[in-house]
Amino acid sequence: MTDLTDLAAEICTAWGPLAQAPKLIVNRENAVFEVQLASGARGALRLHRVGYQTVDSILSELRWTERLAKAGFACPVPLRTSDGALTVQRDNAPMASLIGWIDAEPIADMNDEEGPEPSLYQSVGAMIGTLHNRTDQIDLAGITRPFWSRETLLGETPIWGCFWENPALTSEDKALLQDARAKADAALSELAEPDIGLIHADLLQENILHRDGDLWLIDFDDAGFGYRLYDLGTALVQHVYDPRYAAFCDALRRGYEDARGVQVRSEDLQLFTLLRGFASCGWIISRAAANDPIHQVYADRAVMLAREFVG
């Protein structure tokens, strides 16, 4: 076993003896392990990346999802330790948490990895609307999360970095993004009574699981308070190059409107999809070498969205 796996195995004793060694699934923002306890419980152990979220923020995420699950929303259930704690903190080790395993697959892998059909996004929209409804109904005491606000999306220090400084952008691209940034800021300021509350903020295909027609939402690591419609823009951003994009938008909007009881304007979908494209363009800056071609992928998408938005 690697040192990281050894650490995961040692930390897991807080939940009880293991049936087998932890299995590393991914090591990106957090190191995530599949865990099987001797009790029969199966879960996903997260070793939270130091400095990415505060202790209070991690605890708040777990409190939110625990309360959501109790309210009937389809999300992972945090598993408490033998002492009833939500997290474990050992000396010189990342904070750890364990959530219940969901035996389902990402919608990104549907249809032999070609991805979901647009029609599925009516159900995705309904799931997002239900998430927002349940959140408005539960107790939010003790929940402190970052704000996906106008300032932290478009100000001088966005949460995920200064997207206009992506190394793949040309000088012309940067000027276009600055124009779109100013126009988007004005559009946000002009929103009449925007719906603001706790949002997932990372509703990508890999974070939506499916099995037998049911959907689950996972990975609340970037959740925070913000514009509810940002969740819709995030759900759409991976489909902007798809020739069926309009169908994705229509299906998502129908599902959300029916569940949430609100109307969503097409211009707002465009605005919040742009904002997610900007955020991702900034997110990659600190996660890849400056000469990594992955920067171009995020930059090109942000430029395309900005060009359409500026119009």
Protein backbone atom coordinates (compact mmCIF):
# COMPACT_ATOMS: atom_id res chain seq x y z
CA MET A 1 0.00 0.00 0.00
CA THR A 2 1.07 3.57 -0.60
CA ASP A 3 1.65 5.98 2.26
CA LEU A 4 -1.63 7.69 1.40
CA THR A 5 -3.53 4.39 1.47
CA ASP A 6 -1.88 3.50 4.78
CA LEU A 7 -3.02 6.86 6.15
CA ALA A 8 -6.57 6.26 4.92
CA ALA A 9 -6.63 2.81 6.53
CA GLU A 10 -5.40 4.19 9.84
CA ILE A 11 -7.95 7.04 9.85
CA CYS A 12 -10.81 4.68 8.99
CA THR A 13 -10.47 3.02 12.40
CA ALA A 14 -12.47 5.96 13.75
CA TRP A 15 -15.50 4.44 11.99
CA GLY A 16 -14.63 0.86 12.92
CA PRO A 17 -12.49 -2.01 11.61
CA LEU A 18 -12.06 -2.42 7.85
CA ALA A 19 -13.12 -5.45 5.84
CA GLN A 20 -10.40 -4.72 3.28
CA ALA A 21 -7.82 -2.09 2.40
CA PRO A 22 -9.16 1.27 1.11
CA LYS A 23 -9.12 1.66 -2.68
CA LEU A 24 -7.99 5.01 -4.08
CA ILE A 25 -10.56 6.35 -6.58
CA VAL A 26 -9.23 9.82 -7.35
CA ASN A 27 -6.66 12.22 -5.94
CA ARG A 28 -7.49 15.68 -7.24
CA GLU A 29 -9.12 18.34 -5.04
CA ASN A 30 -9.39 15.67 -2.36
CA ALA A 31 -8.05 12.14 -2.12
CA VAL A 32 -11.11 9.86 -2.28
CA PHE A 33 -11.09 6.17 -1.30
CA GLU A 34 -13.69 3.44 -1.57
CA VAL A 35 -14.02 1.91 1.89
CA GLN A 36 -15.64 -1.31 3.10
CA LEU A 37 -16.08 -1.57 6.86
CA ALA A 38 -16.29 -4.88 8.70
CA SER A 39 -19.79 -3.84 9.80
CA GLY A 40 -20.87 -4.07 6.15
CA ALA A 41 -21.11 -0.32 5.66
CA ARG A 42 -19.63 0.93 2.40
CA GLY A 43 -18.50 4.49 1.95
CA ALA A 44 -16.31 7.07 0.25
CA LEU A 45 -13.53 8.36 2.49
CA ARG A 46 -12.31 11.85 1.67
CA LEU A 47 -8.97 13.22 2.80
CA HIS A 48 -9.70 16.89 2.34
CA ARG A 49 -7.04 18.95 0.61
CA VAL A 50 -5.32 21.19 3.14
CA GLY A 51 -6.20 24.85 2.59
CA TYR A 52 -8.98 24.29 0.05
CA GLN A 53 -11.84 24.56 2.54
CA THR A 54 -11.81 25.65 6.18
CA VAL A 55 -12.72 23.28 8.99
CA ASP A 56 -16.04 25.11 9.48
CA SER A 57 -16.75 24.93 5.76
CA ILE A 58 -16.16 21.16 5.61
CA LEU A 59 -18.37 20.60 8.65
CA SER A 60 -21.02 22.84 7.09
CA GLU A 61 -21.06 20.79 3.89
CA LEU A 62 -21.60 17.62 5.90
CA ARG A 63 -24.32 19.17 8.05
CA TRP A 64 -26.12 20.38 4.93
CA THR A 65 -26.03 17.03 3.14
CA GLU A 66 -26.98 15.16 6.32
CA ARG A 67 -30.05 17.36 6.68
CA LEU A 68 -30.84 17.16 2.97
CA ALA A 69 -30.73 13.37 3.09
CA LYS A 70 -33.03 13.33 6.12
CA ALA A 71 -35.41 15.58 4.15
CA GLY A 72 -35.50 13.01 1.36
CA PHE A 73 -33.08 14.51 -1.14
CA ALA A 74 -30.97 12.00 -3.10
CA CYS A 75 -27.41 12.72 -1.97
CA PRO A 76 -24.68 10.92 -0.01
CA VAL A 77 -25.34 10.52 3.72
CA PRO A 78 -22.40 11.47 5.96
CA LEU A 79 -21.41 8.58 8.22
CA ARG A 80 -20.58 9.55 11.77
CA THR A 81 -17.65 8.02 13.64
CA SER A 82 -18.00 5.67 16.58
CA ASP A 83 -17.93 8.80 18.74
CA GLY A 84 -20.64 10.53 16.70
CA ALA A 85 -18.33 12.98 14.92
CA LEU A 86 -18.66 14.03 11.27
CA THR A 87 -14.91 14.35 10.72
CA VAL A 88 -11.59 13.03 11.95
CA GLN A 89 -8.51 15.18 12.36
CA ARG A 90 -5.19 13.51 13.15
CA ASP A 91 -1.86 15.25 13.73
CA ASN A 92 -0.13 16.28 10.48
CA ALA A 93 -2.91 14.64 8.41
CA PRO A 94 -5.71 16.12 6.30
CA MET A 95 -9.17 16.30 7.78
CA ALA A 96 -11.15 13.18 6.86
CA SER A 97 -14.84 12.46 6.37
CA LEU A 98 -16.77 9.38 5.32
CA ILE A 99 -19.99 9.42 3.32
CA GLY A 100 -22.27 6.58 2.34
CA TRP A 101 -21.54 4.86 -0.97
CA ILE A 102 -24.03 5.29 -3.83
CA ASP A 103 -24.04 2.31 -6.17
CA ALA A 104 -24.69 4.20 -9.41
CA GLU A 105 -22.81 5.57 -12.42
CA PRO A 106 -22.17 9.14 -13.64
CA ILE A 107 -24.52 10.30 -16.37
CA ALA A 108 -21.40 11.26 -18.32
CA ASP A 109 -20.90 7.52 -18.99
CA MET A 110 -24.36 6.88 -20.38
CA ASN A 111 -24.78 5.49 -23.90
CA ASP A 112 -21.32 3.91 -24.06
CA GLU A 113 -19.69 7.08 -22.73
CA GLU A 114 -21.33 9.29 -25.36
CA GLY A 115 -23.13 11.05 -22.56
CA PRO A 116 -26.78 11.66 -21.71
CA GLU A 117 -29.60 12.51 -24.07
CA PRO A 118 -31.04 16.03 -23.76
CA SER A 119 -34.34 14.58 -22.54
CA LEU A 120 -32.63 13.43 -19.33
CA TYR A 121 -32.05 17.06 -18.42
CA GLN A 122 -35.70 17.55 -17.59
CA SER A 123 -35.04 15.18 -14.68
CA VAL A 124 -31.77 16.99 -13.91
CA GLY A 125 -33.64 20.30 -13.81
CA ALA A 126 -36.23 18.78 -11.49
CA MET A 127 -33.46 17.48 -9.25
CA ILE A 128 -31.89 20.94 -9.03
CA GLY A 129 -35.26 22.49 -8.25
CA THR A 130 -35.84 19.90 -5.54
CA LEU A 131 -32.38 20.61 -4.10
CA HIS A 132 -33.22 24.30 -3.79
CA ASN A 133 -36.70 23.56 -2.38
CA ARG A 134 -35.42 21.16 0.27
CA THR A 135 -32.64 23.57 1.22
CA ASP A 136 -35.18 26.33 1.80
CA GLN A 137 -37.13 24.00 4.10
CA ILE A 138 -34.35 22.73 6.37
CA ASP A 139 -32.52 24.31 9.29
CA LEU A 140 -29.35 26.06 8.10
CA ALA A 141 -27.96 26.72 11.58
CA GLY A 142 -24.23 26.06 11.81
CA ILE A 143 -23.70 26.18 8.03
CA THR A 144 -20.96 28.50 6.82
CA ARG A 145 -19.86 28.25 3.18
CA PRO A 146 -18.14 30.52 0.63
CA PHE A 147 -20.23 32.99 -1.37
CA TRP A 148 -20.57 32.64 -5.14
CA SER A 149 -21.51 36.30 -5.35
CA ARG A 150 -21.24 38.97 -8.00
CA GLU A 151 -17.91 39.99 -6.48
CA THR A 152 -16.43 36.50 -6.15
CA LEU A 153 -17.52 35.57 -9.67
CA LEU A 154 -16.54 38.76 -11.50
CA GLY A 155 -14.54 40.93 -9.11
CA GLU A 156 -10.79 41.40 -8.90
CA THR A 157 -10.22 38.15 -6.97
CA PRO A 158 -12.72 35.49 -8.13
CA ILE A 159 -13.01 32.33 -6.02
CA TRP A 160 -11.39 30.19 -8.72
CA GLY A 161 -8.89 32.69 -10.02
CA CYS A 162 -8.60 35.56 -12.50
CA PHE A 163 -9.98 33.87 -15.61
CA TRP A 164 -8.85 36.73 -17.85
CA GLU A 165 -5.23 35.73 -17.03
CA ASN A 166 -5.47 32.19 -18.44
CA PRO A 167 -2.14 31.67 -20.30
CA ALA A 168 -3.87 30.36 -23.43
CA LEU A 169 -5.70 33.63 -24.05
CA THR A 170 -4.47 36.03 -26.74
CA SER A 171 -4.51 39.76 -26.11
CA GLU A 172 -7.66 39.99 -28.22
CA ASP A 173 -9.24 37.17 -26.21
CA LYS A 174 -8.43 38.95 -22.96
CA ALA A 175 -10.02 42.16 -24.21
CA LEU A 176 -13.15 40.23 -25.22
CA LEU A 177 -13.37 38.54 -21.82
CA GLN A 178 -13.03 41.88 -20.09
CA ASP A 179 -15.87 43.29 -22.20
CA ALA A 180 -18.04 40.30 -21.41
CA ARG A 181 -17.05 40.50 -17.74
CA ALA A 182 -18.25 44.11 -17.56
CA LYS A 183 -21.49 43.29 -19.37
CA ALA A 184 -22.11 40.27 -17.13
CA ASP A 185 -21.49 42.36 -14.03
CA ALA A 186 -24.07 44.88 -15.22
CA ALA A 187 -26.54 42.07 -15.96
CA LEU A 188 -26.15 40.65 -12.45
CA SER A 189 -26.67 44.08 -10.90
CA GLU A 190 -29.89 44.48 -12.89
CA LEU A 191 -31.47 41.18 -11.83
CA ALA A 192 -34.76 41.86 -10.11
CA GLU A 193 -34.94 40.05 -6.76
CA PRO A 194 -32.50 37.25 -7.64
CA ASP A 195 -33.03 33.91 -5.93
CA ILE A 196 -29.99 33.49 -3.66
CA GLY A 197 -29.30 30.63 -1.27
CA LEU A 198 -27.19 27.53 -0.81
CA ILE A 199 -26.21 25.99 -4.15
CA HIS A 200 -24.22 22.93 -5.19
CA ALA A 201 -22.09 25.02 -7.60
CA ASP A 202 -20.52 22.03 -9.40
CA LEU A 203 -23.36 20.24 -11.19
CA LEU A 204 -21.18 18.62 -13.84
CA GLN A 205 -22.06 15.29 -15.46
CA GLU A 206 -19.56 13.39 -13.33
CA ASN A 207 -21.32 14.61 -10.17
CA ILE A 208 -24.77 13.37 -11.20
CA LEU A 209 -25.24 9.62 -10.80
CA HIS A 210 -27.96 7.45 -12.31
CA ARG A 211 -29.38 3.97 -11.86
CA ASP A 212 -32.69 2.54 -13.09
CA GLY A 213 -34.11 5.97 -13.85
CA ASP A 214 -33.12 7.53 -10.51
CA LEU A 215 -30.62 10.37 -10.05
CA TRP A 216 -28.29 11.26 -7.17
CA LEU A 217 -26.19 14.36 -6.66
CA ILE A 218 -22.68 13.97 -5.21
CA ASP A 219 -19.57 16.08 -4.50
CA PHE A 220 -20.76 19.14 -2.59
CA ASP A 221 -17.15 20.26 -2.04
CA ASP A 222 -17.63 23.58 -3.89
CA ALA A 223 -21.08 24.33 -2.50
CA GLY A 224 -21.81 27.78 -1.17
CA PHE A 225 -24.30 30.59 -1.02
CA GLY A 226 -25.03 32.16 -4.39
CA TYR A 227 -27.38 32.67 -7.30
CA ARG A 228 -29.62 29.63 -7.67
CA LEU A 229 -29.45 29.92 -11.47
CA TYR A 230 -25.68 29.35 -11.30
CA ASP A 231 -26.50 25.69 -10.71
CA LEU A 232 -28.36 25.65 -14.04
CA GLY A 233 -25.48 27.30 -15.89
CA THR A 234 -23.07 24.77 -14.43
CA ALA A 235 -25.27 21.89 -15.56
CA LEU A 236 -25.28 23.27 -19.11
CA VAL A 237 -21.66 24.36 -19.57
CA GLN A 238 -20.37 20.94 -20.67
CA HIS A 239 -22.90 20.82 -23.50
CA VAL A 240 -22.30 24.18 -25.18
CA TYR A 241 -20.59 22.59 -28.21
CA ASP A 242 -23.28 19.95 -28.63
CA PRO A 243 -25.53 20.59 -31.68
CA ARG A 244 -28.43 19.63 -29.40
CA TYR A 245 -27.57 22.38 -26.91
CA ALA A 246 -30.91 24.16 -27.32
CA ALA A 247 -32.67 20.90 -26.42
CA PHE A 248 -30.54 20.56 -23.27
CA CYS A 249 -31.51 24.12 -22.29
CA ASP A 250 -35.22 23.57 -22.92
CA ALA A 251 -35.33 20.28 -21.00
CA LEU A 252 -33.37 21.64 -18.03
CA ARG A 253 -35.52 24.74 -17.85
CA ARG A 254 -38.80 22.78 -18.01
CA GLY A 255 -37.72 20.45 -15.22
CA TYR A 256 -36.50 23.27 -12.99
CA GLU A 257 -39.53 25.48 -13.56
CA ASP A 258 -41.94 22.63 -12.76
CA ALA A 259 -40.10 21.67 -9.56
CA ARG A 260 -39.27 25.16 -8.33
CA GLY A 261 -42.42 26.96 -9.46
CA VAL A 262 -40.55 29.79 -11.14
CA GLN A 263 -39.88 30.99 -14.66
CA VAL A 264 -36.34 31.00 -16.09
CA ARG A 265 -35.46 33.37 -18.90
CA SER A 266 -33.22 32.20 -21.74
CA GLU A 267 -30.99 35.25 -21.23
CA ASP A 268 -30.39 34.19 -17.64
CA LEU A 269 -29.37 30.70 -18.73
CA GLN A 270 -26.90 32.32 -21.12
CA LEU A 271 -25.56 34.63 -18.40
CA PHE A 272 -24.99 31.93 -15.80
CA THR A 273 -23.52 29.47 -18.29
CA LEU A 274 -21.04 32.22 -19.21
CA LEU A 275 -20.22 32.75 -15.53
CA ARG A 276 -19.46 29.06 -15.10
CA GLY A 277 -17.32 29.11 -18.25
CA PHE A 278 -15.39 32.04 -16.79
CA ALA A 279 -14.96 30.29 -13.43
CA SER A 280 -13.59 27.12 -15.06
CA CYS A 281 -11.21 29.17 -17.19
CA GLY A 282 -9.78 30.57 -13.94
CA TRP A 283 -9.93 27.27 -12.06
CA ILE A 284 -7.45 25.54 -14.37
CA ILE A 285 -4.77 28.24 -13.99
CA SER A 286 -3.50 26.98 -10.63
CA ARG A 287 -3.98 23.31 -11.51
CA ALA A 288 -1.91 22.87 -14.66
CA ALA A 289 1.49 24.02 -15.90
CA ALA A 290 1.35 27.16 -18.01
CA ASN A 291 2.25 25.22 -21.17
CA ASP A 292 -0.33 22.48 -20.60
CA PRO A 293 -2.73 22.35 -23.58
CA ILE A 294 -5.66 21.87 -21.19
CA HIS A 295 -5.64 25.65 -20.67
CA GLN A 296 -6.64 26.10 -24.30
CA VAL A 297 -9.74 23.94 -23.82
CA TYR A 298 -11.11 26.12 -21.04
CA ALA A 299 -9.97 29.34 -22.68
CA ASP A 300 -11.62 28.49 -26.01
CA ARG A 301 -14.92 27.73 -24.32
CA ALA A 302 -14.84 30.95 -22.30
CA VAL A 303 -14.04 32.95 -25.44
CA MET A 304 -16.87 31.31 -27.39
CA LEU A 305 -19.36 31.99 -24.59
CA ALA A 306 -18.11 35.57 -24.22
CA ARG A 307 -18.40 36.24 -27.94
CA GLU A 308 -21.99 35.00 -28.00
CA PHE A 309 -22.82 36.98 -24.86
CA VAL A 310 -21.36 40.26 -26.10
CA GLY A 311 -23.08 39.53 -29.39
